[in-house]
Structure formats: structure tokens, C-alpha cells
Amino acid sequence: MRHNLSEVTELMRDRRSISPERFSSRKVHKEVVELLLTNATWAPTHGMTQPWRFAAYVGDGMSTIGPKLAEWYQVAAGENASEAKVAKLEARGKQVTAMVIVGVQPDPNGRIDIRDERNAVACAMQNMYLTCTAHGLGGFWSTPPMIHLPEVQEFAGFDSDTEVIGFFYVGYPEGEWPKSHRKPLEYVTRWVDSSES
């Protein structure tokens, strides 16, 4: 084997989505986020289009995006905006010390379907999750309706054809690492064996 299979398996099964509300105040440094994003770029990509685009906010950069979270939510929700959600996002903007706006840029030559490009970026985000887990960091891929606002795309500095597909929050979790479970394989798999008639 090229790698320790038991360690790789353990890493994948230990990955969790940990909400920013469970992050401690310990700062995530730029070098760590740089590693997350570098590893993200090693995801599979059809035709090597490498469609992922990132806008990363760390350190003082969080002071620029933090207040925007509640503002964007209010714009997207309109009259349905919840005061509790506004307060939650205001607190999140102050608590989180690193986050990434993630986008997908379509193949400029039109060869690769946009669905395949989105799938590639989703794989890139899984690489980010796994790197977070290996580092003892919590990751959280958030896809609220506000990510589709033109002002979010503009704020991130993305090209006009680049679609925002999520916010990825990064932080050191407080307390114990969460447990999880999955359905047994027989609930989600249909086996077809060539020996069957």
C-alpha cells in the first residue's frame, strides 16, 4: 500500500461538521488556512479545469466580512428576517477567526458541464474538511440563501460568472470532538455480481 489505510480510514470517519458557535476564541493562523486551500486544489477535476475559487479571510480580514454576515442575511430574508438569526450571525462574525467564501468558475471553453465543476469544488471542500480534521480544527460548510446575492460574489472579488457555493468556517472547537454514525452499507448499496444469473 502507498499509504497507511487504517489511518486514512480513521481520518475520513473522524471528519465532522462543527458549527462556528462551538469554536473557541483561539485564532486560526493564515498558514493553516493556506494549507487547507492548497490541499483543496488537489481534488479531482474534469479536464483539469480546476474550477474552485477562494476568498479567504483571516486575522484583520475577518473584521471586513464579519459584520456582513448579518447584513447579507437581512437582505436575503427581507421581511422574513429573524432577530434571533441576525443576533446569531452578528456574534458569529465576531467569534470566527477564519473563513473562506468558496466559488465555482465554469469552464471558459464550455467543455465541462457546470454540474461536474460543482462536484469538483465539493470534492475540494472535502479535502478542506479532512485537513481540518487532521489539524484538530472544526470545519463548517454553510450554504444559506444569502450566498446567492450578487453583493456576496462582488465582495469576494469573484468574476461575474463565478457562482458562490458556500461559506467555509474554520476554528478550534471547544469541548470534546463530536461523535457520529452512518447507516450500514446494506441500507444504501445494491450489489451486482457478475456471477449472478
N, C-alpha and C. Protein backbone atom coordinates (compact mmCIF):
# COMPACT_ATOMS: atom_id res chain seq x y z
N MET A 1 0.84 -1.20 0.00
CA MET A 1 0.00 0.00 0.00
C MET A 1 0.88 1.25 0.00
N ARG A 2 0.38 2.28 -0.65
CA ARG A 2 1.14 3.53 -0.73
C ARG A 2 1.00 4.36 0.56
N HIS A 3 -0.11 4.20 1.26
CA HIS A 3 -0.37 4.95 2.49
C HIS A 3 -0.96 4.01 3.54
N ASN A 4 -0.92 4.45 4.76
CA ASN A 4 -1.47 3.65 5.85
C ASN A 4 -3.00 3.71 5.77
N LEU A 5 -3.59 2.61 5.30
CA LEU A 5 -5.02 2.59 5.05
C LEU A 5 -5.85 2.79 6.32
N SER A 6 -5.38 2.23 7.43
CA SER A 6 -6.15 2.39 8.67
C SER A 6 -6.16 3.84 9.12
N GLU A 7 -5.06 4.57 8.94
CA GLU A 7 -5.01 5.99 9.32
C GLU A 7 -5.89 6.83 8.40
N VAL A 8 -5.87 6.53 7.11
CA VAL A 8 -6.70 7.26 6.16
C VAL A 8 -8.17 7.03 6.47
N THR A 9 -8.52 5.78 6.74
CA THR A 9 -9.91 5.44 7.08
C THR A 9 -10.34 6.15 8.36
N GLU A 10 -9.47 6.13 9.35
CA GLU A 10 -9.79 6.79 10.62
C GLU A 10 -10.00 8.30 10.42
N LEU A 11 -9.16 8.92 9.59
CA LEU A 11 -9.28 10.35 9.31
C LEU A 11 -10.65 10.65 8.69
N MET A 12 -11.03 9.87 7.68
CA MET A 12 -12.30 10.12 7.00
C MET A 12 -13.49 9.93 7.94
N ARG A 13 -13.39 8.92 8.80
CA ARG A 13 -14.51 8.64 9.70
C ARG A 13 -14.55 9.58 10.91
N ASP A 14 -13.49 10.31 11.12
CA ASP A 14 -13.42 11.26 12.23
C ASP A 14 -13.85 12.67 11.80
N ARG A 15 -13.99 12.88 10.50
CA ARG A 15 -14.37 14.20 9.99
C ARG A 15 -15.76 14.58 10.50
N ARG A 16 -15.91 15.84 10.90
CA ARG A 16 -17.20 16.33 11.38
C ARG A 16 -17.45 17.74 10.86
N SER A 17 -18.73 18.08 10.74
CA SER A 17 -19.12 19.47 10.57
C SER A 17 -19.34 20.02 11.97
N ILE A 18 -18.58 21.03 12.32
CA ILE A 18 -18.67 21.62 13.66
C ILE A 18 -19.06 23.08 13.49
N SER A 19 -20.21 23.44 14.01
CA SER A 19 -20.74 24.78 13.79
C SER A 19 -19.86 25.84 14.46
N PRO A 20 -19.80 27.02 13.85
CA PRO A 20 -18.97 28.10 14.40
C PRO A 20 -19.32 28.46 15.84
N GLU A 21 -20.55 28.21 16.25
CA GLU A 21 -20.94 28.51 17.62
C GLU A 21 -20.21 27.62 18.62
N ARG A 22 -19.58 26.56 18.14
CA ARG A 22 -18.81 25.67 19.02
C ARG A 22 -17.31 25.94 18.94
N PHE A 23 -16.91 26.98 18.20
CA PHE A 23 -15.50 27.32 18.10
C PHE A 23 -15.04 28.07 19.35
N SER A 24 -13.79 27.85 19.74
CA SER A 24 -13.19 28.62 20.83
C SER A 24 -12.68 29.94 20.26
N SER A 25 -12.12 30.76 21.12
CA SER A 25 -11.58 32.06 20.69
C SER A 25 -10.15 31.95 20.15
N ARG A 26 -9.58 30.75 20.18
CA ARG A 26 -8.22 30.56 19.67
C ARG A 26 -8.16 30.89 18.18
N LYS A 27 -7.20 31.70 17.80
CA LYS A 27 -7.11 32.16 16.42
C LYS A 27 -6.55 31.10 15.48
N VAL A 28 -7.11 31.05 14.29
CA VAL A 28 -6.60 30.19 13.22
C VAL A 28 -5.66 31.05 12.38
N HIS A 29 -4.44 30.61 12.23
CA HIS A 29 -3.45 31.40 11.50
C HIS A 29 -3.51 31.19 10.00
N LYS A 30 -3.04 32.19 9.28
CA LYS A 30 -3.09 32.19 7.82
C LYS A 30 -2.42 30.95 7.23
N GLU A 31 -1.30 30.51 7.82
CA GLU A 31 -0.57 29.36 7.28
C GLU A 31 -1.43 28.09 7.29
N VAL A 32 -2.28 27.97 8.29
CA VAL A 32 -3.16 26.80 8.38
C VAL A 32 -4.21 26.85 7.26
N VAL A 33 -4.79 28.03 7.07
CA VAL A 33 -5.79 28.19 6.01
C VAL A 33 -5.15 27.99 4.64
N GLU A 34 -3.93 28.44 4.49
CA GLU A 34 -3.20 28.25 3.23
C GLU A 34 -3.04 26.75 2.93
N LEU A 35 -2.74 25.96 3.95
CA LEU A 35 -2.62 24.52 3.76
C LEU A 35 -3.97 23.90 3.38
N LEU A 36 -5.05 24.33 4.04
CA LEU A 36 -6.39 23.84 3.69
C LEU A 36 -6.68 24.07 2.21
N LEU A 37 -6.38 25.28 1.76
CA LEU A 37 -6.71 25.64 0.38
C LEU A 37 -5.79 24.95 -0.62
N THR A 38 -4.52 24.80 -0.26
CA THR A 38 -3.60 24.08 -1.14
C THR A 38 -4.07 22.64 -1.31
N ASN A 39 -4.44 22.00 -0.20
CA ASN A 39 -4.95 20.63 -0.28
C ASN A 39 -6.26 20.57 -1.07
N ALA A 40 -7.07 21.61 -0.95
CA ALA A 40 -8.33 21.66 -1.71
C ALA A 40 -8.06 21.58 -3.20
N THR A 41 -6.99 22.22 -3.65
CA THR A 41 -6.70 22.27 -5.09
C THR A 41 -6.23 20.93 -5.65
N TRP A 42 -6.05 19.95 -4.79
CA TRP A 42 -5.67 18.61 -5.25
C TRP A 42 -6.87 17.69 -5.41
N ALA A 43 -8.05 18.25 -5.40
CA ALA A 43 -9.27 17.46 -5.64
C ALA A 43 -9.33 17.06 -7.11
N PRO A 44 -10.09 16.00 -7.42
CA PRO A 44 -10.26 15.63 -8.83
C PRO A 44 -11.00 16.72 -9.60
N THR A 45 -10.61 16.92 -10.84
CA THR A 45 -11.23 17.96 -11.66
C THR A 45 -11.30 17.51 -13.11
N HIS A 46 -12.50 17.50 -13.67
CA HIS A 46 -12.69 17.09 -15.06
C HIS A 46 -11.90 18.02 -15.98
N GLY A 47 -11.13 17.42 -16.87
CA GLY A 47 -10.40 18.22 -17.86
C GLY A 47 -9.39 19.17 -17.25
N MET A 48 -9.03 18.96 -15.99
CA MET A 48 -8.08 19.83 -15.28
C MET A 48 -8.48 21.31 -15.34
N THR A 49 -9.79 21.57 -15.30
CA THR A 49 -10.24 22.97 -15.33
C THR A 49 -9.98 23.69 -14.01
N GLN A 50 -9.85 22.92 -12.93
CA GLN A 50 -9.60 23.48 -11.60
C GLN A 50 -10.54 24.67 -11.32
N PRO A 51 -11.85 24.38 -11.21
CA PRO A 51 -12.86 25.45 -11.17
C PRO A 51 -13.03 26.15 -9.83
N TRP A 52 -12.32 25.71 -8.79
CA TRP A 52 -12.51 26.30 -7.46
C TRP A 52 -11.94 27.72 -7.42
N ARG A 53 -12.62 28.56 -6.68
CA ARG A 53 -12.16 29.92 -6.42
C ARG A 53 -12.38 30.18 -4.93
N PHE A 54 -11.42 30.84 -4.30
CA PHE A 54 -11.49 31.07 -2.86
C PHE A 54 -11.24 32.54 -2.54
N ALA A 55 -11.98 33.04 -1.57
CA ALA A 55 -11.68 34.33 -0.95
C ALA A 55 -11.53 34.02 0.53
N ALA A 56 -10.31 34.14 1.04
CA ALA A 56 -10.00 33.71 2.41
C ALA A 56 -9.86 34.91 3.32
N TYR A 57 -10.48 34.83 4.49
CA TYR A 57 -10.47 35.91 5.47
C TYR A 57 -9.88 35.39 6.77
N VAL A 58 -8.76 35.96 7.17
CA VAL A 58 -8.09 35.60 8.42
C VAL A 58 -7.62 36.88 9.09
N GLY A 59 -7.32 36.79 10.38
CA GLY A 59 -6.80 37.97 11.09
C GLY A 59 -7.71 39.17 10.93
N ASP A 60 -7.10 40.29 10.53
CA ASP A 60 -7.87 41.52 10.35
C ASP A 60 -8.90 41.40 9.23
N GLY A 61 -8.68 40.46 8.33
CA GLY A 61 -9.64 40.25 7.25
C GLY A 61 -11.03 39.88 7.75
N MET A 62 -11.08 39.24 8.92
CA MET A 62 -12.39 38.87 9.47
C MET A 62 -13.20 40.10 9.87
N SER A 63 -12.52 41.20 10.17
CA SER A 63 -13.25 42.41 10.55
C SER A 63 -13.98 43.01 9.35
N THR A 64 -13.57 42.63 8.13
CA THR A 64 -14.27 43.14 6.95
C THR A 64 -15.51 42.32 6.61
N ILE A 65 -15.42 41.01 6.82
CA ILE A 65 -16.56 40.16 6.44
C ILE A 65 -17.49 39.87 7.61
N GLY A 66 -16.98 39.85 8.82
CA GLY A 66 -17.81 39.52 9.98
C GLY A 66 -19.12 40.29 10.04
N PRO A 67 -19.09 41.62 9.95
CA PRO A 67 -20.34 42.39 10.02
C PRO A 67 -21.26 42.16 8.83
N LYS A 68 -20.71 41.68 7.73
CA LYS A 68 -21.51 41.48 6.51
C LYS A 68 -22.46 40.29 6.64
N LEU A 69 -22.13 39.32 7.49
CA LEU A 69 -22.95 38.11 7.58
C LEU A 69 -24.39 38.42 7.94
N ALA A 70 -24.59 39.22 8.98
CA ALA A 70 -25.94 39.60 9.40
C ALA A 70 -26.60 40.49 8.35
N GLU A 71 -25.81 41.39 7.77
CA GLU A 71 -26.33 42.31 6.76
C GLU A 71 -26.85 41.54 5.54
N TRP A 72 -26.04 40.60 5.05
CA TRP A 72 -26.46 39.81 3.88
C TRP A 72 -27.68 38.97 4.19
N TYR A 73 -27.71 38.40 5.40
CA TYR A 73 -28.87 37.61 5.79
C TYR A 73 -30.14 38.46 5.73
N GLN A 74 -30.08 39.68 6.25
CA GLN A 74 -31.25 40.55 6.28
C GLN A 74 -31.71 40.90 4.86
N VAL A 75 -30.75 41.12 3.96
CA VAL A 75 -31.10 41.41 2.57
C VAL A 75 -31.79 40.21 1.94
N ALA A 76 -31.23 39.02 2.13
CA ALA A 76 -31.77 37.81 1.52
C ALA A 76 -33.13 37.43 2.12
N ALA A 77 -33.28 37.60 3.43
CA ALA A 77 -34.52 37.19 4.09
C ALA A 77 -35.62 38.23 3.97
N GLY A 78 -35.24 39.48 3.76
CA GLY A 78 -36.24 40.55 3.64
C GLY A 78 -37.08 40.68 4.90
N GLU A 79 -38.40 40.77 4.70
CA GLU A 79 -39.29 40.96 5.85
C GLU A 79 -39.41 39.71 6.71
N ASN A 80 -38.89 38.59 6.22
CA ASN A 80 -38.92 37.35 7.00
C ASN A 80 -37.70 37.18 7.90
N ALA A 81 -36.84 38.19 7.93
CA ALA A 81 -35.62 38.11 8.75
C ALA A 81 -35.98 37.95 10.23
N SER A 82 -35.25 37.07 10.87
CA SER A 82 -35.46 36.80 12.29
C SER A 82 -34.43 37.57 13.11
N GLU A 83 -34.90 38.24 14.16
CA GLU A 83 -33.98 38.98 15.03
C GLU A 83 -32.98 38.04 15.69
N ALA A 84 -33.43 36.86 16.04
CA ALA A 84 -32.54 35.88 16.67
C ALA A 84 -31.43 35.47 15.71
N LYS A 85 -31.78 35.27 14.43
CA LYS A 85 -30.79 34.88 13.43
C LYS A 85 -29.80 36.03 13.17
N VAL A 86 -30.30 37.25 13.16
CA VAL A 86 -29.42 38.41 13.00
C VAL A 86 -28.41 38.45 14.13
N ALA A 87 -28.90 38.27 15.36
CA ALA A 87 -28.01 38.29 16.53
C ALA A 87 -27.00 37.15 16.46
N LYS A 88 -27.45 35.97 16.02
CA LYS A 88 -26.56 34.81 15.90
C LYS A 88 -25.44 35.10 14.90
N LEU A 89 -25.79 35.68 13.76
CA LEU A 89 -24.78 35.96 12.73
C LEU A 89 -23.86 37.10 13.14
N GLU A 90 -24.37 38.06 13.87
CA GLU A 90 -23.51 39.13 14.39
C GLU A 90 -22.47 38.55 15.34
N ALA A 91 -22.92 37.65 16.22
CA ALA A 91 -22.00 37.00 17.16
C ALA A 91 -21.00 36.12 16.42
N ARG A 92 -21.48 35.41 15.41
CA ARG A 92 -20.60 34.55 14.61
C ARG A 92 -19.51 35.38 13.93
N GLY A 93 -19.90 36.51 13.40
CA GLY A 93 -18.93 37.37 12.72
C GLY A 93 -17.82 37.86 13.63
N LYS A 94 -18.13 37.97 14.92
CA LYS A 94 -17.12 38.40 15.90
C LYS A 94 -16.31 37.24 16.44
N GLN A 95 -16.91 36.05 16.49
CA GLN A 95 -16.28 34.89 17.11
C GLN A 95 -15.30 34.18 16.17
N VAL A 96 -15.69 34.02 14.92
CA VAL A 96 -14.90 33.24 13.96
C VAL A 96 -13.63 34.00 13.58
N THR A 97 -12.51 33.29 13.53
CA THR A 97 -11.23 33.94 13.19
C THR A 97 -10.72 33.58 11.80
N ALA A 98 -11.43 32.69 11.09
CA ALA A 98 -11.05 32.34 9.72
C ALA A 98 -12.24 31.77 8.97
N MET A 99 -12.44 32.25 7.75
CA MET A 99 -13.48 31.69 6.90
C MET A 99 -13.11 31.90 5.45
N VAL A 100 -13.75 31.11 4.59
CA VAL A 100 -13.47 31.16 3.16
C VAL A 100 -14.80 31.22 2.42
N ILE A 101 -14.90 32.15 1.48
CA ILE A 101 -16.02 32.11 0.53
C ILE A 101 -15.54 31.23 -0.62
N VAL A 102 -16.32 30.22 -0.94
CA VAL A 102 -15.92 29.26 -1.97
C VAL A 102 -16.81 29.43 -3.20
N GLY A 103 -16.17 29.49 -4.35
CA GLY A 103 -16.91 29.65 -5.59
C GLY A 103 -16.51 28.62 -6.63
N VAL A 104 -17.33 28.53 -7.66
CA VAL A 104 -17.03 27.65 -8.80
C VAL A 104 -17.09 28.48 -10.07
N GLN A 105 -16.02 28.41 -10.84
CA GLN A 105 -15.97 29.13 -12.11
C GLN A 105 -16.17 28.13 -13.25
N PRO A 106 -17.15 28.38 -14.11
CA PRO A 106 -17.41 27.44 -15.21
C PRO A 106 -16.22 27.35 -16.15
N ASP A 107 -16.14 26.22 -16.84
CA ASP A 107 -15.12 26.02 -17.86
C ASP A 107 -15.28 27.08 -18.93
N PRO A 108 -14.28 27.93 -19.15
CA PRO A 108 -14.42 29.01 -20.14
C PRO A 108 -14.61 28.49 -21.56
N ASN A 109 -14.20 27.25 -21.80
CA ASN A 109 -14.35 26.67 -23.14
C ASN A 109 -15.67 25.92 -23.30
N GLY A 110 -16.44 25.80 -22.21
CA GLY A 110 -17.74 25.15 -22.28
C GLY A 110 -17.69 23.65 -22.49
N ARG A 111 -16.54 23.03 -22.30
CA ARG A 111 -16.41 21.59 -22.50
C ARG A 111 -16.98 20.80 -21.32
N ILE A 112 -16.78 21.34 -20.11
CA ILE A 112 -17.17 20.62 -18.89
C ILE A 112 -18.48 21.17 -18.36
N ASP A 113 -19.43 20.30 -18.12
CA ASP A 113 -20.73 20.69 -17.60
C ASP A 113 -20.57 21.35 -16.22
N ILE A 114 -21.37 22.38 -15.95
CA ILE A 114 -21.27 23.10 -14.67
C ILE A 114 -21.54 22.17 -13.49
N ARG A 115 -22.35 21.13 -13.68
CA ARG A 115 -22.60 20.19 -12.59
C ARG A 115 -21.32 19.46 -12.21
N ASP A 116 -20.52 19.13 -13.22
CA ASP A 116 -19.25 18.47 -12.94
C ASP A 116 -18.28 19.43 -12.25
N GLU A 117 -18.34 20.70 -12.61
CA GLU A 117 -17.48 21.69 -11.97
C GLU A 117 -17.87 21.87 -10.50
N ARG A 118 -19.17 21.87 -10.23
CA ARG A 118 -19.63 21.97 -8.83
C ARG A 118 -19.18 20.74 -8.04
N ASN A 119 -19.27 19.57 -8.67
CA ASN A 119 -18.83 18.35 -8.00
C ASN A 119 -17.35 18.42 -7.65
N ALA A 120 -16.56 18.98 -8.54
CA ALA A 120 -15.12 19.11 -8.28
C ALA A 120 -14.87 20.01 -7.08
N VAL A 121 -15.63 21.10 -6.99
CA VAL A 121 -15.45 22.02 -5.86
C VAL A 121 -15.93 21.38 -4.57
N ALA A 122 -16.98 20.57 -4.63
CA ALA A 122 -17.42 19.84 -3.44
C ALA A 122 -16.32 18.89 -2.97
N CYS A 123 -15.63 18.24 -3.90
CA CYS A 123 -14.50 17.38 -3.53
C CYS A 123 -13.39 18.22 -2.90
N ALA A 124 -13.16 19.41 -3.43
CA ALA A 124 -12.15 20.30 -2.86
C ALA A 124 -12.50 20.65 -1.42
N MET A 125 -13.78 20.86 -1.15
CA MET A 125 -14.20 21.19 0.20
C MET A 125 -14.05 20.00 1.14
N GLN A 126 -14.24 18.79 0.62
CA GLN A 126 -13.98 17.61 1.44
C GLN A 126 -12.50 17.55 1.81
N ASN A 127 -11.62 17.90 0.88
CA ASN A 127 -10.19 17.96 1.20
C ASN A 127 -9.93 18.97 2.32
N MET A 128 -10.66 20.08 2.29
CA MET A 128 -10.53 21.08 3.35
C MET A 128 -10.99 20.49 4.69
N TYR A 129 -12.12 19.80 4.65
CA TYR A 129 -12.63 19.15 5.86
C TYR A 129 -11.61 18.17 6.44
N LEU A 130 -11.05 17.33 5.58
CA LEU A 130 -10.10 16.32 6.06
C LEU A 130 -8.85 16.96 6.63
N THR A 131 -8.40 18.03 6.00
CA THR A 131 -7.22 18.73 6.51
C THR A 131 -7.53 19.38 7.86
N CYS A 132 -8.72 19.94 7.99
CA CYS A 132 -9.15 20.48 9.29
C CYS A 132 -9.11 19.39 10.35
N THR A 133 -9.67 18.23 10.03
CA THR A 133 -9.74 17.13 10.99
C THR A 133 -8.34 16.70 11.43
N ALA A 134 -7.44 16.55 10.46
CA ALA A 134 -6.07 16.15 10.78
C ALA A 134 -5.38 17.17 11.67
N HIS A 135 -5.78 18.43 11.54
CA HIS A 135 -5.16 19.52 12.31
C HIS A 135 -5.86 19.76 13.64
N GLY A 136 -6.97 19.04 13.88
CA GLY A 136 -7.75 19.27 15.11
C GLY A 136 -8.65 20.48 15.03
N LEU A 137 -8.95 20.91 13.81
CA LEU A 137 -9.81 22.07 13.59
C LEU A 137 -11.22 21.63 13.24
N GLY A 138 -12.17 22.48 13.58
CA GLY A 138 -13.53 22.26 13.13
C GLY A 138 -13.73 22.98 11.80
N GLY A 139 -14.47 22.34 10.90
CA GLY A 139 -14.85 22.96 9.63
C GLY A 139 -16.36 22.96 9.52
N PHE A 140 -16.89 23.94 8.79
CA PHE A 140 -18.35 24.02 8.64
C PHE A 140 -18.67 24.65 7.30
N TRP A 141 -19.24 23.84 6.40
CA TRP A 141 -19.65 24.32 5.07
C TRP A 141 -21.09 24.77 5.18
N SER A 142 -21.31 26.06 5.01
CA SER A 142 -22.63 26.66 5.16
C SER A 142 -23.13 27.14 3.80
N THR A 143 -24.42 26.84 3.49
CA THR A 143 -24.99 27.22 2.20
C THR A 143 -26.32 27.97 2.37
N PRO A 144 -26.31 29.07 3.12
CA PRO A 144 -27.56 29.82 3.31
C PRO A 144 -27.95 30.53 2.01
N PRO A 145 -29.23 30.91 1.87
CA PRO A 145 -29.67 31.59 0.65
C PRO A 145 -28.86 32.84 0.31
N MET A 146 -28.31 33.50 1.32
CA MET A 146 -27.58 34.75 1.06
C MET A 146 -26.34 34.57 0.20
N ILE A 147 -25.82 33.33 0.08
CA ILE A 147 -24.62 33.15 -0.75
C ILE A 147 -24.89 33.47 -2.21
N HIS A 148 -26.18 33.50 -2.59
CA HIS A 148 -26.53 33.76 -3.99
C HIS A 148 -26.72 35.24 -4.29
N LEU A 149 -26.54 36.08 -3.29
CA LEU A 149 -26.66 37.52 -3.52
C LEU A 149 -25.50 38.02 -4.38
N PRO A 150 -25.77 38.91 -5.33
CA PRO A 150 -24.69 39.47 -6.15
C PRO A 150 -23.64 40.19 -5.31
N GLU A 151 -24.07 40.78 -4.19
CA GLU A 151 -23.11 41.51 -3.36
C GLU A 151 -22.10 40.59 -2.68
N VAL A 152 -22.48 39.34 -2.44
CA VAL A 152 -21.53 38.38 -1.87
C VAL A 152 -20.46 38.04 -2.91
N GLN A 153 -20.90 37.77 -4.13
CA GLN A 153 -19.97 37.49 -5.23
C GLN A 153 -19.02 38.66 -5.44
N GLU A 154 -19.57 39.87 -5.41
CA GLU A 154 -18.75 41.07 -5.61
C GLU A 154 -17.77 41.26 -4.45
N PHE A 155 -18.25 41.05 -3.22
CA PHE A 155 -17.41 41.21 -2.04
C PHE A 155 -16.22 40.26 -2.09
N ALA A 156 -16.48 39.04 -2.58
CA ALA A 156 -15.41 38.04 -2.67
C ALA A 156 -14.40 38.36 -3.77
N GLY A 157 -14.78 39.25 -4.68
CA GLY A 157 -13.88 39.59 -5.78
C GLY A 157 -13.90 38.55 -6.89
N PHE A 158 -14.98 37.76 -6.96
CA PHE A 158 -15.10 36.73 -7.98
C PHE A 158 -15.53 37.35 -9.31
N ASP A 159 -15.17 36.68 -10.40
CA ASP A 159 -15.64 37.09 -11.71
C ASP A 159 -17.15 36.97 -11.78
N SER A 160 -17.77 37.68 -12.71
CA SER A 160 -19.24 37.72 -12.79
C SER A 160 -19.85 36.36 -13.09
N ASP A 161 -19.07 35.45 -13.69
CA ASP A 161 -19.61 34.13 -14.00
C ASP A 161 -19.33 33.10 -12.90
N THR A 162 -18.69 33.53 -11.82
CA THR A 162 -18.34 32.61 -10.73
C THR A 162 -19.47 32.53 -9.72
N GLU A 163 -19.93 31.32 -9.48
CA GLU A 163 -21.05 31.07 -8.57
C GLU A 163 -20.53 30.78 -7.16
N VAL A 164 -21.04 31.50 -6.18
CA VAL A 164 -20.69 31.21 -4.78
C VAL A 164 -21.45 29.97 -4.35
N ILE A 165 -20.72 28.97 -3.84
CA ILE A 165 -21.41 27.74 -3.41
C ILE A 165 -21.31 27.51 -1.91
N GLY A 166 -20.72 28.45 -1.19
CA GLY A 166 -20.75 28.29 0.25
C GLY A 166 -19.75 29.13 1.00
N PHE A 167 -19.99 29.22 2.30
CA PHE A 167 -19.03 29.77 3.25
C PHE A 167 -18.42 28.57 3.97
N PHE A 168 -17.12 28.59 4.16
CA PHE A 168 -16.47 27.52 4.92
C PHE A 168 -15.81 28.16 6.13
N TYR A 169 -16.39 27.87 7.31
CA TYR A 169 -15.87 28.42 8.56
C TYR A 169 -14.83 27.46 9.13
N VAL A 170 -13.78 28.02 9.72
CA VAL A 170 -12.70 27.22 10.31
C VAL A 170 -12.43 27.71 11.72
N GLY A 171 -12.31 26.79 12.67
CA GLY A 171 -12.00 27.19 14.04
C GLY A 171 -11.62 26.01 14.91
N TYR A 172 -11.01 26.32 16.03
CA TYR A 172 -10.67 25.29 17.01
C TYR A 172 -11.89 25.02 17.87
N PRO A 173 -12.39 23.78 17.89
CA PRO A 173 -13.60 23.51 18.65
C PRO A 173 -13.35 23.48 20.15
N GLU A 174 -14.38 23.87 20.88
CA GLU A 174 -14.35 23.74 22.34
C GLU A 174 -14.97 22.41 22.72
N GLY A 175 -14.50 21.84 23.80
CA GLY A 175 -15.09 20.60 24.29
C GLY A 175 -14.63 19.39 23.50
N GLU A 176 -15.35 18.30 23.70
CA GLU A 176 -14.98 17.03 23.08
C GLU A 176 -15.31 17.02 21.59
N TRP A 177 -14.52 16.25 20.86
CA TRP A 177 -14.79 16.07 19.43
C TRP A 177 -16.11 15.32 19.29
N PRO A 178 -17.03 15.81 18.45
CA PRO A 178 -18.35 15.15 18.36
C PRO A 178 -18.29 13.75 17.77
N LYS A 179 -19.23 12.93 18.20
CA LYS A 179 -19.35 11.58 17.66
C LYS A 179 -20.39 11.60 16.54
N SER A 180 -20.37 10.57 15.71
CA SER A 180 -21.35 10.47 14.63
C SER A 180 -21.56 9.01 14.27
N HIS A 181 -22.41 8.77 13.30
CA HIS A 181 -22.67 7.40 12.83
C HIS A 181 -23.14 7.46 11.39
N ARG A 182 -23.15 6.33 10.74
CA ARG A 182 -23.67 6.22 9.38
C ARG A 182 -24.53 4.97 9.28
N LYS A 183 -25.45 4.98 8.34
CA LYS A 183 -26.27 3.79 8.09
C LYS A 183 -25.36 2.65 7.63
N PRO A 184 -25.68 1.42 8.00
CA PRO A 184 -24.91 0.29 7.48
C PRO A 184 -24.96 0.26 5.96
N LEU A 185 -23.92 -0.26 5.36
CA LEU A 185 -23.78 -0.26 3.91
C LEU A 185 -24.96 -0.91 3.20
N GLU A 186 -25.53 -1.94 3.81
CA GLU A 186 -26.62 -2.66 3.14
C GLU A 186 -27.87 -1.79 2.93
N TYR A 187 -27.98 -0.68 3.67
CA TYR A 187 -29.13 0.21 3.51
C TYR A 187 -28.97 1.14 2.31
N VAL A 188 -27.77 1.30 1.82
CA VAL A 188 -27.53 2.30 0.78
C VAL A 188 -26.85 1.73 -0.47
N THR A 189 -26.67 0.40 -0.52
CA THR A 189 -25.92 -0.20 -1.62
C THR A 189 -26.68 -1.36 -2.23
N ARG A 190 -26.71 -1.40 -3.54
CA ARG A 190 -27.23 -2.56 -4.28
C ARG A 190 -26.04 -3.18 -4.99
N TRP A 191 -25.72 -4.41 -4.64
CA TRP A 191 -24.59 -5.11 -5.24
C TRP A 191 -25.04 -5.85 -6.50
N VAL A 192 -24.26 -5.75 -7.52
CA VAL A 192 -24.48 -6.53 -8.74
C VAL A 192 -23.22 -7.32 -8.99
N ASP A 193 -23.33 -8.64 -8.88
CA ASP A 193 -22.16 -9.51 -9.04
C ASP A 193 -22.31 -10.24 -10.38
N SER A 194 -21.26 -10.25 -11.16
CA SER A 194 -21.32 -10.85 -12.48
C SER A 194 -21.57 -12.35 -12.41
N SER A 195 -21.34 -12.97 -11.25
CA SER A 195 -21.59 -14.40 -11.11
C SER A 195 -23.07 -14.71 -10.96
N GLU A 196 -23.88 -13.68 -10.67
CA GLU A 196 -25.31 -13.91 -10.51
C GLU A 196 -25.96 -14.01 -11.89
N SER A 197 -26.95 -14.87 -12.02
CA SER A 197 -27.60 -15.01 -13.32
C SER A 197 -28.87 -14.17 -13.38
